[in-house]
Amino acid sequence: MDPSTPQPLREVVAREIRRKIMAGELAPGDRLREQALATEYGVSRVPAREALHVLAQEGFVDTVPRRGATVAFPSAQKTRQLMVIRENLEVLAAGLAARRHGGDQGEELTEVLELGTSATAAGDYAALPELIARFHDAIGIASGNDELAKMTRSLRMQVRWVFEMQLEERSGQSWKHHQEIAEAVLAGDQERAESSMRADVTRDADLLVDLLVARAERQRP
């Protein structure tokens, strides 16, 4: 296609919504209203409706009669595939960070761990998703590889909603795992940093898939 050829409005709108979903700016379950989308993107409701149809065919959006469209929850299969990729990238980042003894992220890692420990002790579980994101962002930066840091963050954003679920049940153990990763990174112990990160991401993957399978079971007629 000639790049100078204007794209149909439905494709323009679909591309922007797709980007927001993949970036984590729109979370699974978020409502997608035709009129609101039309207003946001400066189009009529027709291309907005057509864009939602395109995204539904791609699996990004669920449509329910009389209830409208929502951002789709990823399937268990897709989630497991994403988490396999994430596991390997996060492990690589942890290993590189350990080789650099945490680079310039030592203070950030220490602060985040202290905040997480305090939040857990106080039962402030709502604070944990942001702290988990800060922790992994710091590991990515400490790797010294900007592209790797961007890739790991993008993958985390696609499944970020899991960090907001069942936090109370896993919070204490989660922060113990993050402490182990940080200690290994700052000590320059590459092997332990990699194994600790792999264990942490594997636990996240198992939790995600279990949640999605349970959700699918509840929705069966």
N, C-alpha and C. Protein backbone atom coordinates (compact mmCIF):
# COMPACT_ATOMS: atom_id res chain seq x y z
N MET A 1 0.85 -1.21 0.00
CA MET A 1 0.00 0.00 0.00
C MET A 1 0.88 1.24 0.00
N ASP A 2 0.49 2.20 -0.82
CA ASP A 2 1.19 3.47 -0.85
C ASP A 2 1.04 4.15 0.50
N PRO A 3 2.17 4.46 1.20
CA PRO A 3 2.07 5.06 2.53
C PRO A 3 1.37 6.39 2.54
N SER A 4 1.26 7.03 1.34
CA SER A 4 0.59 8.32 1.28
C SER A 4 -0.92 8.17 1.17
N THR A 5 -1.40 6.92 0.95
CA THR A 5 -2.83 6.68 0.83
C THR A 5 -3.48 6.71 2.20
N PRO A 6 -4.49 7.56 2.40
CA PRO A 6 -5.14 7.64 3.72
C PRO A 6 -5.77 6.30 4.09
N GLN A 7 -5.63 5.91 5.35
CA GLN A 7 -6.26 4.69 5.83
C GLN A 7 -7.72 4.94 6.15
N PRO A 8 -8.56 3.91 6.00
CA PRO A 8 -9.96 4.06 6.43
C PRO A 8 -10.01 4.47 7.90
N LEU A 9 -11.00 5.28 8.24
CA LEU A 9 -11.09 5.77 9.62
C LEU A 9 -11.18 4.63 10.63
N ARG A 10 -11.87 3.55 10.26
CA ARG A 10 -11.99 2.43 11.20
C ARG A 10 -10.62 1.85 11.54
N GLU A 11 -9.70 1.84 10.56
CA GLU A 11 -8.36 1.31 10.80
C GLU A 11 -7.55 2.25 11.68
N VAL A 12 -7.73 3.54 11.47
CA VAL A 12 -7.03 4.53 12.30
C VAL A 12 -7.46 4.40 13.75
N VAL A 13 -8.77 4.33 13.97
CA VAL A 13 -9.29 4.21 15.34
C VAL A 13 -8.89 2.87 15.94
N ALA A 14 -9.00 1.80 15.17
CA ALA A 14 -8.64 0.47 15.68
C ALA A 14 -7.17 0.43 16.07
N ARG A 15 -6.32 1.06 15.27
CA ARG A 15 -4.88 1.05 15.57
C ARG A 15 -4.60 1.74 16.90
N GLU A 16 -5.28 2.86 17.14
CA GLU A 16 -5.04 3.60 18.39
C GLU A 16 -5.55 2.84 19.61
N ILE A 17 -6.73 2.23 19.48
CA ILE A 17 -7.26 1.44 20.60
C ILE A 17 -6.36 0.24 20.85
N ARG A 18 -5.94 -0.42 19.78
CA ARG A 18 -5.04 -1.57 19.90
C ARG A 18 -3.75 -1.18 20.61
N ARG A 19 -3.21 -0.03 20.24
CA ARG A 19 -1.97 0.43 20.87
C ARG A 19 -2.17 0.63 22.37
N LYS A 20 -3.30 1.23 22.74
CA LYS A 20 -3.57 1.47 24.16
C LYS A 20 -3.72 0.16 24.94
N ILE A 21 -4.36 -0.81 24.32
CA ILE A 21 -4.53 -2.11 24.98
C ILE A 21 -3.18 -2.78 25.18
N MET A 22 -2.36 -2.77 24.14
CA MET A 22 -1.06 -3.43 24.22
C MET A 22 -0.10 -2.70 25.16
N ALA A 23 -0.30 -1.39 25.31
CA ALA A 23 0.55 -0.62 26.22
C ALA A 23 0.05 -0.68 27.66
N GLY A 24 -1.12 -1.30 27.85
CA GLY A 24 -1.67 -1.38 29.20
C GLY A 24 -2.44 -0.15 29.62
N GLU A 25 -2.66 0.79 28.69
CA GLU A 25 -3.42 1.99 29.03
C GLU A 25 -4.91 1.68 29.15
N LEU A 26 -5.34 0.61 28.49
CA LEU A 26 -6.69 0.09 28.64
C LEU A 26 -6.56 -1.32 29.21
N ALA A 27 -7.25 -1.58 30.30
CA ALA A 27 -7.10 -2.87 30.99
C ALA A 27 -8.25 -3.81 30.64
N PRO A 28 -8.04 -5.12 30.77
CA PRO A 28 -9.13 -6.08 30.54
C PRO A 28 -10.36 -5.72 31.37
N GLY A 29 -11.51 -5.74 30.70
CA GLY A 29 -12.75 -5.40 31.38
C GLY A 29 -13.17 -3.96 31.22
N ASP A 30 -12.27 -3.08 30.77
CA ASP A 30 -12.63 -1.68 30.57
C ASP A 30 -13.70 -1.56 29.48
N ARG A 31 -14.71 -0.71 29.73
CA ARG A 31 -15.77 -0.49 28.75
C ARG A 31 -15.26 0.37 27.61
N LEU A 32 -15.73 0.06 26.40
CA LEU A 32 -15.38 0.82 25.20
C LEU A 32 -16.69 1.28 24.58
N ARG A 33 -17.04 2.53 24.81
CA ARG A 33 -18.31 3.07 24.33
C ARG A 33 -18.12 3.78 23.00
N GLU A 34 -19.00 3.46 22.06
CA GLU A 34 -18.88 4.01 20.71
C GLU A 34 -18.85 5.53 20.72
N GLN A 35 -19.78 6.16 21.43
CA GLN A 35 -19.85 7.62 21.41
C GLN A 35 -18.60 8.25 22.00
N ALA A 36 -18.10 7.66 23.09
CA ALA A 36 -16.90 8.20 23.72
C ALA A 36 -15.70 8.07 22.79
N LEU A 37 -15.61 6.94 22.10
CA LEU A 37 -14.51 6.75 21.15
C LEU A 37 -14.63 7.70 19.98
N ALA A 38 -15.85 7.88 19.48
CA ALA A 38 -16.06 8.80 18.37
C ALA A 38 -15.64 10.21 18.74
N THR A 39 -15.98 10.63 19.94
CA THR A 39 -15.60 11.96 20.41
C THR A 39 -14.09 12.07 20.58
N GLU A 40 -13.49 11.05 21.17
CA GLU A 40 -12.04 11.08 21.42
C GLU A 40 -11.24 11.18 20.14
N TYR A 41 -11.68 10.46 19.10
CA TYR A 41 -10.89 10.41 17.87
C TYR A 41 -11.45 11.30 16.76
N GLY A 42 -12.48 12.07 17.07
CA GLY A 42 -13.01 13.03 16.11
C GLY A 42 -13.64 12.40 14.89
N VAL A 43 -14.36 11.30 15.11
CA VAL A 43 -15.04 10.61 14.00
C VAL A 43 -16.50 10.41 14.39
N SER A 44 -17.29 9.90 13.43
CA SER A 44 -18.68 9.57 13.75
C SER A 44 -18.72 8.21 14.44
N ARG A 45 -19.91 7.80 14.86
CA ARG A 45 -20.02 6.52 15.56
C ARG A 45 -19.81 5.33 14.63
N VAL A 46 -20.01 5.52 13.32
CA VAL A 46 -19.87 4.40 12.39
C VAL A 46 -18.45 3.84 12.37
N PRO A 47 -17.41 4.66 12.11
CA PRO A 47 -16.05 4.11 12.14
C PRO A 47 -15.64 3.61 13.52
N ALA A 48 -16.19 4.23 14.58
CA ALA A 48 -15.90 3.75 15.93
C ALA A 48 -16.46 2.34 16.11
N ARG A 49 -17.69 2.14 15.64
CA ARG A 49 -18.32 0.81 15.73
C ARG A 49 -17.55 -0.20 14.88
N GLU A 50 -17.15 0.21 13.68
CA GLU A 50 -16.41 -0.69 12.80
C GLU A 50 -15.05 -1.04 13.39
N ALA A 51 -14.42 -0.08 14.06
CA ALA A 51 -13.12 -0.34 14.70
C ALA A 51 -13.26 -1.40 15.79
N LEU A 52 -14.33 -1.30 16.57
CA LEU A 52 -14.56 -2.30 17.62
C LEU A 52 -14.80 -3.68 17.02
N HIS A 53 -15.46 -3.72 15.87
CA HIS A 53 -15.69 -4.99 15.18
C HIS A 53 -14.36 -5.59 14.73
N VAL A 54 -13.49 -4.76 14.19
CA VAL A 54 -12.16 -5.23 13.77
C VAL A 54 -11.40 -5.80 14.96
N LEU A 55 -11.41 -5.08 16.07
CA LEU A 55 -10.68 -5.51 17.26
C LEU A 55 -11.29 -6.77 17.87
N ALA A 56 -12.61 -6.91 17.75
CA ALA A 56 -13.26 -8.13 18.24
C ALA A 56 -12.80 -9.34 17.43
N GLN A 57 -12.67 -9.16 16.12
CA GLN A 57 -12.19 -10.25 15.26
C GLN A 57 -10.75 -10.62 15.59
N GLU A 58 -9.98 -9.65 16.04
CA GLU A 58 -8.58 -9.90 16.39
C GLU A 58 -8.41 -10.45 17.80
N GLY A 59 -9.49 -10.44 18.58
CA GLY A 59 -9.43 -10.96 19.94
C GLY A 59 -9.08 -9.93 20.99
N PHE A 60 -8.99 -8.66 20.62
CA PHE A 60 -8.67 -7.61 21.59
C PHE A 60 -9.89 -7.13 22.36
N VAL A 61 -11.07 -7.34 21.79
CA VAL A 61 -12.30 -6.80 22.37
C VAL A 61 -13.37 -7.88 22.44
N ASP A 62 -14.14 -7.87 23.52
CA ASP A 62 -15.31 -8.73 23.66
C ASP A 62 -16.56 -7.88 23.46
N THR A 63 -17.51 -8.39 22.70
CA THR A 63 -18.77 -7.67 22.51
C THR A 63 -19.91 -8.56 23.01
N VAL A 64 -20.77 -7.97 23.81
CA VAL A 64 -21.92 -8.69 24.37
C VAL A 64 -23.18 -7.91 24.01
N PRO A 65 -24.18 -8.58 23.40
CA PRO A 65 -25.42 -7.88 23.05
C PRO A 65 -26.02 -7.15 24.24
N ARG A 66 -26.43 -5.91 24.00
CA ARG A 66 -27.07 -5.03 24.99
C ARG A 66 -26.13 -4.58 26.11
N ARG A 67 -24.88 -5.06 26.10
CA ARG A 67 -23.92 -4.61 27.11
C ARG A 67 -22.75 -3.85 26.50
N GLY A 68 -22.59 -3.96 25.18
CA GLY A 68 -21.53 -3.22 24.52
C GLY A 68 -20.21 -3.97 24.50
N ALA A 69 -19.14 -3.21 24.31
CA ALA A 69 -17.80 -3.78 24.13
C ALA A 69 -16.92 -3.50 25.33
N THR A 70 -16.06 -4.46 25.63
CA THR A 70 -15.07 -4.30 26.69
C THR A 70 -13.74 -4.84 26.20
N VAL A 71 -12.66 -4.38 26.82
CA VAL A 71 -11.34 -4.93 26.51
C VAL A 71 -11.33 -6.39 26.95
N ALA A 72 -10.90 -7.26 26.06
CA ALA A 72 -10.94 -8.70 26.34
C ALA A 72 -9.86 -9.11 27.33
N PHE A 73 -10.20 -10.09 28.15
CA PHE A 73 -9.18 -10.74 28.96
C PHE A 73 -8.42 -11.69 28.04
N PRO A 74 -7.08 -11.72 28.13
CA PRO A 74 -6.33 -12.62 27.26
C PRO A 74 -6.64 -14.06 27.58
N SER A 75 -6.54 -14.92 26.59
CA SER A 75 -6.76 -16.35 26.83
C SER A 75 -5.61 -16.91 27.65
N ALA A 76 -5.86 -18.05 28.28
CA ALA A 76 -4.81 -18.70 29.06
C ALA A 76 -3.62 -19.06 28.17
N GLN A 77 -3.92 -19.50 26.94
CA GLN A 77 -2.84 -19.89 26.03
C GLN A 77 -1.98 -18.69 25.65
N LYS A 78 -2.62 -17.58 25.28
CA LYS A 78 -1.86 -16.39 24.90
C LYS A 78 -1.06 -15.87 26.08
N THR A 79 -1.67 -15.89 27.26
CA THR A 79 -0.99 -15.39 28.45
C THR A 79 0.25 -16.23 28.75
N ARG A 80 0.11 -17.55 28.67
CA ARG A 80 1.27 -18.40 28.92
C ARG A 80 2.39 -18.11 27.92
N GLN A 81 2.01 -17.89 26.65
CA GLN A 81 3.02 -17.58 25.64
C GLN A 81 3.73 -16.26 25.95
N LEU A 82 2.95 -15.25 26.35
CA LEU A 82 3.55 -13.97 26.71
C LEU A 82 4.48 -14.11 27.91
N MET A 83 4.07 -14.92 28.87
CA MET A 83 4.87 -15.07 30.08
C MET A 83 6.15 -15.86 29.84
N VAL A 84 6.13 -16.76 28.87
CA VAL A 84 7.37 -17.46 28.51
C VAL A 84 8.39 -16.45 27.97
N ILE A 85 7.90 -15.55 27.11
CA ILE A 85 8.79 -14.51 26.57
C ILE A 85 9.26 -13.60 27.69
N ARG A 86 8.32 -13.19 28.54
CA ARG A 86 8.67 -12.29 29.64
C ARG A 86 9.69 -12.94 30.57
N GLU A 87 9.49 -14.21 30.87
CA GLU A 87 10.42 -14.90 31.77
C GLU A 87 11.85 -14.80 31.26
N ASN A 88 12.04 -15.11 29.97
CA ASN A 88 13.39 -15.11 29.43
C ASN A 88 14.00 -13.71 29.38
N LEU A 89 13.18 -12.70 29.07
CA LEU A 89 13.70 -11.34 29.02
C LEU A 89 14.01 -10.80 30.42
N GLU A 90 13.14 -11.09 31.39
CA GLU A 90 13.38 -10.63 32.76
C GLU A 90 14.60 -11.32 33.36
N VAL A 91 14.77 -12.59 33.06
CA VAL A 91 15.95 -13.32 33.55
C VAL A 91 17.22 -12.73 32.95
N LEU A 92 17.17 -12.43 31.65
CA LEU A 92 18.32 -11.80 31.00
C LEU A 92 18.63 -10.46 31.65
N ALA A 93 17.59 -9.67 31.90
CA ALA A 93 17.79 -8.36 32.53
C ALA A 93 18.41 -8.50 33.92
N ALA A 94 17.92 -9.46 34.70
CA ALA A 94 18.45 -9.66 36.05
C ALA A 94 19.92 -10.08 36.00
N GLY A 95 20.25 -10.95 35.06
CA GLY A 95 21.63 -11.39 34.94
C GLY A 95 22.57 -10.26 34.55
N LEU A 96 22.14 -9.45 33.58
CA LEU A 96 22.96 -8.31 33.16
C LEU A 96 23.08 -7.29 34.29
N ALA A 97 21.99 -7.09 35.03
CA ALA A 97 22.02 -6.15 36.15
C ALA A 97 23.00 -6.63 37.22
N ALA A 98 23.03 -7.93 37.47
CA ALA A 98 23.95 -8.48 38.46
C ALA A 98 25.40 -8.31 38.02
N ARG A 99 25.66 -8.48 36.74
CA ARG A 99 27.03 -8.29 36.24
C ARG A 99 27.50 -6.86 36.45
N ARG A 100 26.54 -5.93 36.54
CA ARG A 100 26.87 -4.52 36.77
C ARG A 100 26.64 -4.12 38.23
N HIS A 101 26.38 -5.12 39.09
CA HIS A 101 26.12 -4.87 40.52
C HIS A 101 25.00 -3.84 40.72
N GLY A 102 24.01 -3.89 39.83
CA GLY A 102 22.86 -2.99 39.95
C GLY A 102 23.06 -1.64 39.31
N GLY A 103 24.21 -1.41 38.70
CA GLY A 103 24.45 -0.12 38.05
C GLY A 103 24.19 1.03 39.00
N ASP A 104 23.39 2.00 38.55
CA ASP A 104 23.07 3.15 39.40
C ASP A 104 21.70 3.01 40.06
N GLN A 105 21.18 1.77 40.09
CA GLN A 105 19.83 1.55 40.61
C GLN A 105 19.80 0.98 42.02
N GLY A 106 20.95 0.94 42.69
CA GLY A 106 21.00 0.38 44.04
C GLY A 106 20.07 1.08 45.01
N GLU A 107 20.10 2.40 45.02
CA GLU A 107 19.24 3.15 45.95
C GLU A 107 17.77 2.96 45.62
N GLU A 108 17.45 2.93 44.33
CA GLU A 108 16.06 2.74 43.93
C GLU A 108 15.55 1.37 44.37
N LEU A 109 16.34 0.33 44.14
CA LEU A 109 15.93 -1.01 44.54
C LEU A 109 15.72 -1.09 46.05
N THR A 110 16.65 -0.52 46.79
CA THR A 110 16.55 -0.55 48.25
C THR A 110 15.31 0.19 48.73
N GLU A 111 15.06 1.36 48.15
CA GLU A 111 13.89 2.16 48.56
C GLU A 111 12.59 1.43 48.25
N VAL A 112 12.50 0.85 47.05
CA VAL A 112 11.28 0.16 46.66
C VAL A 112 11.01 -1.03 47.58
N LEU A 113 12.05 -1.77 47.91
CA LEU A 113 11.87 -2.92 48.80
C LEU A 113 11.40 -2.48 50.18
N GLU A 114 11.96 -1.40 50.68
CA GLU A 114 11.54 -0.89 51.99
C GLU A 114 10.08 -0.45 51.96
N LEU A 115 9.70 0.24 50.89
CA LEU A 115 8.31 0.70 50.76
C LEU A 115 7.36 -0.49 50.66
N GLY A 116 7.77 -1.50 49.90
CA GLY A 116 6.92 -2.68 49.75
C GLY A 116 6.75 -3.44 51.04
N THR A 117 7.83 -3.56 51.79
CA THR A 117 7.77 -4.24 53.08
C THR A 117 6.84 -3.49 54.04
N SER A 118 6.96 -2.17 54.05
CA SER A 118 6.10 -1.35 54.92
C SER A 118 4.64 -1.45 54.50
N ALA A 119 4.39 -1.40 53.19
CA ALA A 119 3.02 -1.47 52.69
C ALA A 119 2.39 -2.81 53.03
N THR A 120 3.17 -3.88 52.89
CA THR A 120 2.66 -5.21 53.21
C THR A 120 2.32 -5.32 54.69
N ALA A 121 3.21 -4.83 55.53
CA ALA A 121 2.99 -4.89 56.98
C ALA A 121 1.76 -4.09 57.39
N ALA A 122 1.50 -3.00 56.67
CA ALA A 122 0.36 -2.13 57.00
C ALA A 122 -0.93 -2.59 56.31
N GLY A 123 -0.83 -3.62 55.48
CA GLY A 123 -2.01 -4.08 54.76
C GLY A 123 -2.41 -3.16 53.62
N ASP A 124 -1.48 -2.32 53.16
CA ASP A 124 -1.76 -1.38 52.08
C ASP A 124 -1.46 -2.06 50.74
N TYR A 125 -2.29 -3.03 50.38
CA TYR A 125 -2.02 -3.83 49.19
C TYR A 125 -2.22 -3.04 47.90
N ALA A 126 -3.00 -1.97 47.96
CA ALA A 126 -3.23 -1.16 46.76
C ALA A 126 -1.95 -0.48 46.29
N ALA A 127 -0.96 -0.33 47.19
CA ALA A 127 0.29 0.33 46.82
C ALA A 127 1.24 -0.61 46.09
N LEU A 128 0.98 -1.91 46.16
CA LEU A 128 1.96 -2.87 45.65
C LEU A 128 2.12 -2.92 44.13
N PRO A 129 1.04 -2.82 43.33
CA PRO A 129 1.26 -2.89 41.88
C PRO A 129 2.27 -1.87 41.37
N GLU A 130 2.17 -0.63 41.84
CA GLU A 130 3.11 0.41 41.40
C GLU A 130 4.53 0.08 41.87
N LEU A 131 4.67 -0.45 43.07
CA LEU A 131 6.00 -0.77 43.59
C LEU A 131 6.60 -1.96 42.85
N ILE A 132 5.77 -2.93 42.50
CA ILE A 132 6.25 -4.06 41.70
C ILE A 132 6.77 -3.55 40.36
N ALA A 133 6.00 -2.64 39.74
CA ALA A 133 6.43 -2.08 38.46
C ALA A 133 7.74 -1.32 38.61
N ARG A 134 7.87 -0.53 39.68
CA ARG A 134 9.11 0.22 39.92
C ARG A 134 10.30 -0.72 40.10
N PHE A 135 10.07 -1.81 40.81
CA PHE A 135 11.15 -2.76 41.05
C PHE A 135 11.66 -3.33 39.73
N HIS A 136 10.74 -3.81 38.90
CA HIS A 136 11.16 -4.43 37.64
C HIS A 136 11.71 -3.40 36.67
N ASP A 137 11.18 -2.18 36.70
CA ASP A 137 11.75 -1.12 35.88
C ASP A 137 13.20 -0.86 36.28
N ALA A 138 13.46 -0.86 37.58
CA ALA A 138 14.83 -0.62 38.07
C ALA A 138 15.77 -1.73 37.62
N ILE A 139 15.29 -2.97 37.63
CA ILE A 139 16.11 -4.08 37.16
C ILE A 139 16.42 -3.90 35.67
N GLY A 140 15.41 -3.50 34.91
CA GLY A 140 15.62 -3.28 33.48
C GLY A 140 16.64 -2.20 33.22
N ILE A 141 16.55 -1.09 33.95
CA ILE A 141 17.51 0.00 33.79
C ILE A 141 18.90 -0.45 34.22
N ALA A 142 18.95 -1.22 35.30
CA ALA A 142 20.24 -1.69 35.82
C ALA A 142 20.93 -2.64 34.85
N SER A 143 20.17 -3.24 33.93
CA SER A 143 20.78 -4.15 32.95
C SER A 143 21.72 -3.41 32.01
N GLY A 144 21.50 -2.09 31.87
CA GLY A 144 22.33 -1.31 30.97
C GLY A 144 21.92 -1.41 29.52
N ASN A 145 20.80 -2.10 29.25
CA ASN A 145 20.32 -2.29 27.88
C ASN A 145 18.94 -1.63 27.76
N ASP A 146 18.91 -0.46 27.14
CA ASP A 146 17.67 0.32 27.06
C ASP A 146 16.57 -0.42 26.33
N GLU A 147 16.92 -1.11 25.24
CA GLU A 147 15.91 -1.82 24.46
C GLU A 147 15.32 -2.98 25.25
N LEU A 148 16.15 -3.67 25.99
CA LEU A 148 15.67 -4.76 26.83
C LEU A 148 14.72 -4.22 27.90
N ALA A 149 15.07 -3.10 28.49
CA ALA A 149 14.21 -2.48 29.51
C ALA A 149 12.85 -2.13 28.93
N LYS A 150 12.82 -1.60 27.70
CA LYS A 150 11.55 -1.26 27.06
C LYS A 150 10.72 -2.50 26.78
N MET A 151 11.37 -3.56 26.32
CA MET A 151 10.64 -4.78 25.97
C MET A 151 10.04 -5.45 27.20
N THR A 152 10.80 -5.52 28.28
CA THR A 152 10.27 -6.16 29.49
C THR A 152 9.11 -5.34 30.05
N ARG A 153 9.23 -4.03 29.99
CA ARG A 153 8.14 -3.18 30.50
C ARG A 153 6.88 -3.36 29.66
N SER A 154 7.03 -3.44 28.35
CA SER A 154 5.88 -3.61 27.47
C SER A 154 5.15 -4.92 27.78
N LEU A 155 5.91 -5.98 27.97
CA LEU A 155 5.29 -7.27 28.28
C LEU A 155 4.58 -7.24 29.64
N ARG A 156 5.19 -6.59 30.61
CA ARG A 156 4.55 -6.50 31.93
C ARG A 156 3.23 -5.73 31.84
N MET A 157 3.22 -4.67 31.03
CA MET A 157 2.01 -3.86 30.91
C MET A 157 0.86 -4.66 30.31
N GLN A 158 1.18 -5.60 29.44
CA GLN A 158 0.12 -6.39 28.81
C GLN A 158 -0.57 -7.32 29.79
N VAL A 159 0.11 -7.65 30.88
CA VAL A 159 -0.49 -8.55 31.88
C VAL A 159 -0.53 -7.88 33.25
N ARG A 160 -0.48 -6.55 33.28
CA ARG A 160 -0.33 -5.84 34.54
C ARG A 160 -1.51 -6.04 35.48
N TRP A 161 -2.69 -6.34 34.94
CA TRP A 161 -3.87 -6.47 35.78
C TRP A 161 -3.73 -7.57 36.81
N VAL A 162 -2.90 -8.59 36.53
CA VAL A 162 -2.76 -9.69 37.49
C VAL A 162 -2.15 -9.21 38.80
N PHE A 163 -1.31 -8.16 38.73
CA PHE A 163 -0.65 -7.68 39.94
C PHE A 163 -1.64 -6.99 40.88
N GLU A 164 -2.85 -6.72 40.39
CA GLU A 164 -3.86 -6.07 41.21
C GLU A 164 -4.85 -7.08 41.78
N MET A 165 -4.59 -8.37 41.53
CA MET A 165 -5.50 -9.41 41.98
C MET A 165 -4.82 -10.31 43.01
N GLN A 166 -5.54 -10.72 44.01
CA GLN A 166 -5.07 -11.65 45.03
C GLN A 166 -3.79 -11.17 45.71
N LEU A 167 -3.66 -9.85 45.88
CA LEU A 167 -2.43 -9.31 46.46
C LEU A 167 -2.25 -9.71 47.91
N GLU A 168 -3.34 -9.75 48.66
CA GLU A 168 -3.21 -10.06 50.08
C GLU A 168 -2.66 -11.46 50.29
N GLU A 169 -3.11 -12.41 49.45
CA GLU A 169 -2.70 -13.79 49.63
C GLU A 169 -1.22 -14.02 49.32
N ARG A 170 -0.67 -13.24 48.40
CA ARG A 170 0.70 -13.53 47.96
C ARG A 170 1.69 -12.42 48.27
N SER A 171 1.25 -11.37 48.97
CA SER A 171 2.09 -10.19 49.14
C SER A 171 3.37 -10.48 49.92
N GLY A 172 3.25 -11.16 51.06
CA GLY A 172 4.44 -11.42 51.86
C GLY A 172 5.47 -12.24 51.13
N GLN A 173 5.02 -13.31 50.49
CA GLN A 173 5.94 -14.16 49.74
C GLN A 173 6.54 -13.41 48.56
N SER A 174 5.71 -12.58 47.91
CA SER A 174 6.18 -11.82 46.76
C SER A 174 7.35 -10.92 47.13
N TRP A 175 7.25 -10.23 48.27
CA TRP A 175 8.32 -9.31 48.64
C TRP A 175 9.57 -10.04 49.10
N LYS A 176 9.40 -11.25 49.61
CA LYS A 176 10.56 -12.07 49.93
C LYS A 176 11.32 -12.41 48.65
N HIS A 177 10.59 -12.73 47.60
CA HIS A 177 11.21 -13.06 46.31
C HIS A 177 11.95 -11.85 45.74
N HIS A 178 11.31 -10.69 45.83
CA HIS A 178 11.95 -9.48 45.30
C HIS A 178 13.21 -9.13 46.10
N GLN A 179 13.16 -9.38 47.39
CA GLN A 179 14.35 -9.15 48.22
C GLN A 179 15.49 -10.05 47.76
N GLU A 180 15.19 -11.31 47.45
CA GLU A 180 16.22 -12.25 47.00
C GLU A 180 16.83 -11.79 45.69
N ILE A 181 15.99 -11.33 44.78
CA ILE A 181 16.49 -10.85 43.49
C ILE A 181 17.41 -9.65 43.68
N ALA A 182 16.95 -8.68 44.47
CA ALA A 182 17.73 -7.46 44.68
C ALA A 182 19.07 -7.77 45.35
N GLU A 183 19.06 -8.63 46.35
CA GLU A 183 20.30 -8.97 47.04
C GLU A 183 21.30 -9.61 46.08
N ALA A 184 20.81 -10.49 45.22
CA ALA A 184 21.69 -11.15 44.26
C ALA A 184 22.24 -10.16 43.24
N VAL A 185 21.38 -9.26 42.77
CA VAL A 185 21.82 -8.26 41.79
C VAL A 185 22.89 -7.36 42.39
N LEU A 186 22.64 -6.84 43.57
CA LEU A 186 23.58 -5.91 44.19
C LEU A 186 24.88 -6.59 44.60
N ALA A 187 24.81 -7.90 44.86
CA ALA A 187 26.02 -8.65 45.22
C ALA A 187 26.80 -9.09 43.99
N GLY A 188 26.22 -8.89 42.81
CA GLY A 188 26.89 -9.31 41.58
C GLY A 188 26.81 -10.80 41.34
N ASP A 189 25.85 -11.48 41.98
CA ASP A 189 25.69 -12.93 41.84
C ASP A 189 24.74 -13.20 40.68
N GLN A 190 25.29 -13.32 39.48
CA GLN A 190 24.48 -13.45 38.29
C GLN A 190 23.62 -14.71 38.30
N GLU A 191 24.20 -15.83 38.69
CA GLU A 191 23.46 -17.09 38.68
C GLU A 191 22.25 -17.03 39.62
N ARG A 192 22.45 -16.51 40.82
CA ARG A 192 21.34 -16.44 41.78
C ARG A 192 20.30 -15.41 41.35
N ALA A 193 20.76 -14.30 40.77
CA ALA A 193 19.81 -13.29 40.28
C ALA A 193 18.91 -13.87 39.20
N GLU A 194 19.51 -14.63 38.29
CA GLU A 194 18.73 -15.22 37.21
C GLU A 194 17.76 -16.28 37.73
N SER A 195 18.23 -17.15 38.62
CA SER A 195 17.35 -18.21 39.13
C SER A 195 16.22 -17.63 39.98
N SER A 196 16.50 -16.60 40.76
CA SER A 196 15.47 -15.98 41.59
C SER A 196 14.43 -15.28 40.72
N MET A 197 14.88 -14.59 39.68
CA MET A 197 13.95 -13.92 38.78
C MET A 197 13.10 -14.95 38.03
N ARG A 198 13.73 -16.03 37.58
CA ARG A 198 12.97 -17.05 36.86
C ARG A 198 11.86 -17.63 37.75
N ALA A 199 12.21 -17.90 39.01
CA ALA A 199 11.21 -18.44 39.93
C ALA A 199 10.07 -17.45 40.15
N ASP A 200 10.40 -16.16 40.26
CA ASP A 200 9.38 -15.14 40.49
C ASP A 200 8.43 -15.03 39.31
N VAL A 201 8.97 -14.97 38.10
CA VAL A 201 8.12 -14.82 36.92
C VAL A 201 7.31 -16.09 36.67
N THR A 202 7.91 -17.25 36.95
CA THR A 202 7.18 -18.51 36.79
C THR A 202 5.97 -18.55 37.72
N ARG A 203 6.14 -18.07 38.94
CA ARG A 203 5.01 -18.02 39.87
C ARG A 203 3.92 -17.08 39.35
N ASP A 204 4.34 -15.93 38.80
CA ASP A 204 3.36 -15.01 38.21
C ASP A 204 2.60 -15.69 37.08
N ALA A 205 3.33 -16.42 36.22
CA ALA A 205 2.71 -17.09 35.08
C ALA A 205 1.69 -18.11 35.54
N ASP A 206 2.06 -18.91 36.53
CA ASP A 206 1.12 -19.92 37.04
C ASP A 206 -0.13 -19.27 37.61
N LEU A 207 0.06 -18.16 38.34
CA LEU A 207 -1.08 -17.44 38.92
C LEU A 207 -1.99 -16.90 37.83
N LEU A 208 -1.39 -16.28 36.82
CA LEU A 208 -2.17 -15.71 35.73
C LEU A 208 -3.02 -16.76 35.05
N VAL A 209 -2.40 -17.87 34.69
CA VAL A 209 -3.12 -18.92 33.97
C VAL A 209 -4.22 -19.51 34.84
N ASP A 210 -3.93 -19.73 36.12
CA ASP A 210 -4.96 -20.26 37.02
C ASP A 210 -6.15 -19.31 37.11
N LEU A 211 -5.88 -18.00 37.19
CA LEU A 211 -6.96 -17.02 37.26
C LEU A 211 -7.81 -17.03 35.99
N LEU A 212 -7.15 -17.13 34.84
CA LEU A 212 -7.87 -17.11 33.57
C LEU A 212 -8.69 -18.38 33.38
N VAL A 213 -8.13 -19.52 33.77
CA VAL A 213 -8.86 -20.78 33.67
C VAL A 213 -10.09 -20.74 34.58
N ALA A 214 -9.91 -20.25 35.81
CA ALA A 214 -11.03 -20.15 36.75
C ALA A 214 -12.10 -19.21 36.21
N ARG A 215 -11.66 -18.10 35.61
CA ARG A 215 -12.61 -17.14 35.06
C ARG A 215 -13.40 -17.77 33.91
N ALA A 216 -12.72 -18.53 33.06
CA ALA A 216 -13.40 -19.20 31.95
C ALA A 216 -14.42 -20.22 32.46
N GLU A 217 -14.07 -20.92 33.53
CA GLU A 217 -14.99 -21.90 34.11
C GLU A 217 -16.25 -21.22 34.64
N ARG A 218 -16.08 -20.06 35.27
CA ARG A 218 -17.23 -19.34 35.82
C ARG A 218 -18.16 -18.84 34.72
N GLN A 219 -17.59 -18.56 33.55
CA GLN A 219 -18.40 -17.99 32.47
C GLN A 219 -19.09 -19.06 31.63
N ARG A 220 -18.76 -20.33 31.86
CA ARG A 220 -19.42 -21.38 31.09
C ARG A 220 -20.90 -21.46 31.44
N PRO A 221 -21.74 -21.65 30.42
CA PRO A 221 -23.19 -21.73 30.69
C PRO A 221 -23.55 -22.98 31.47
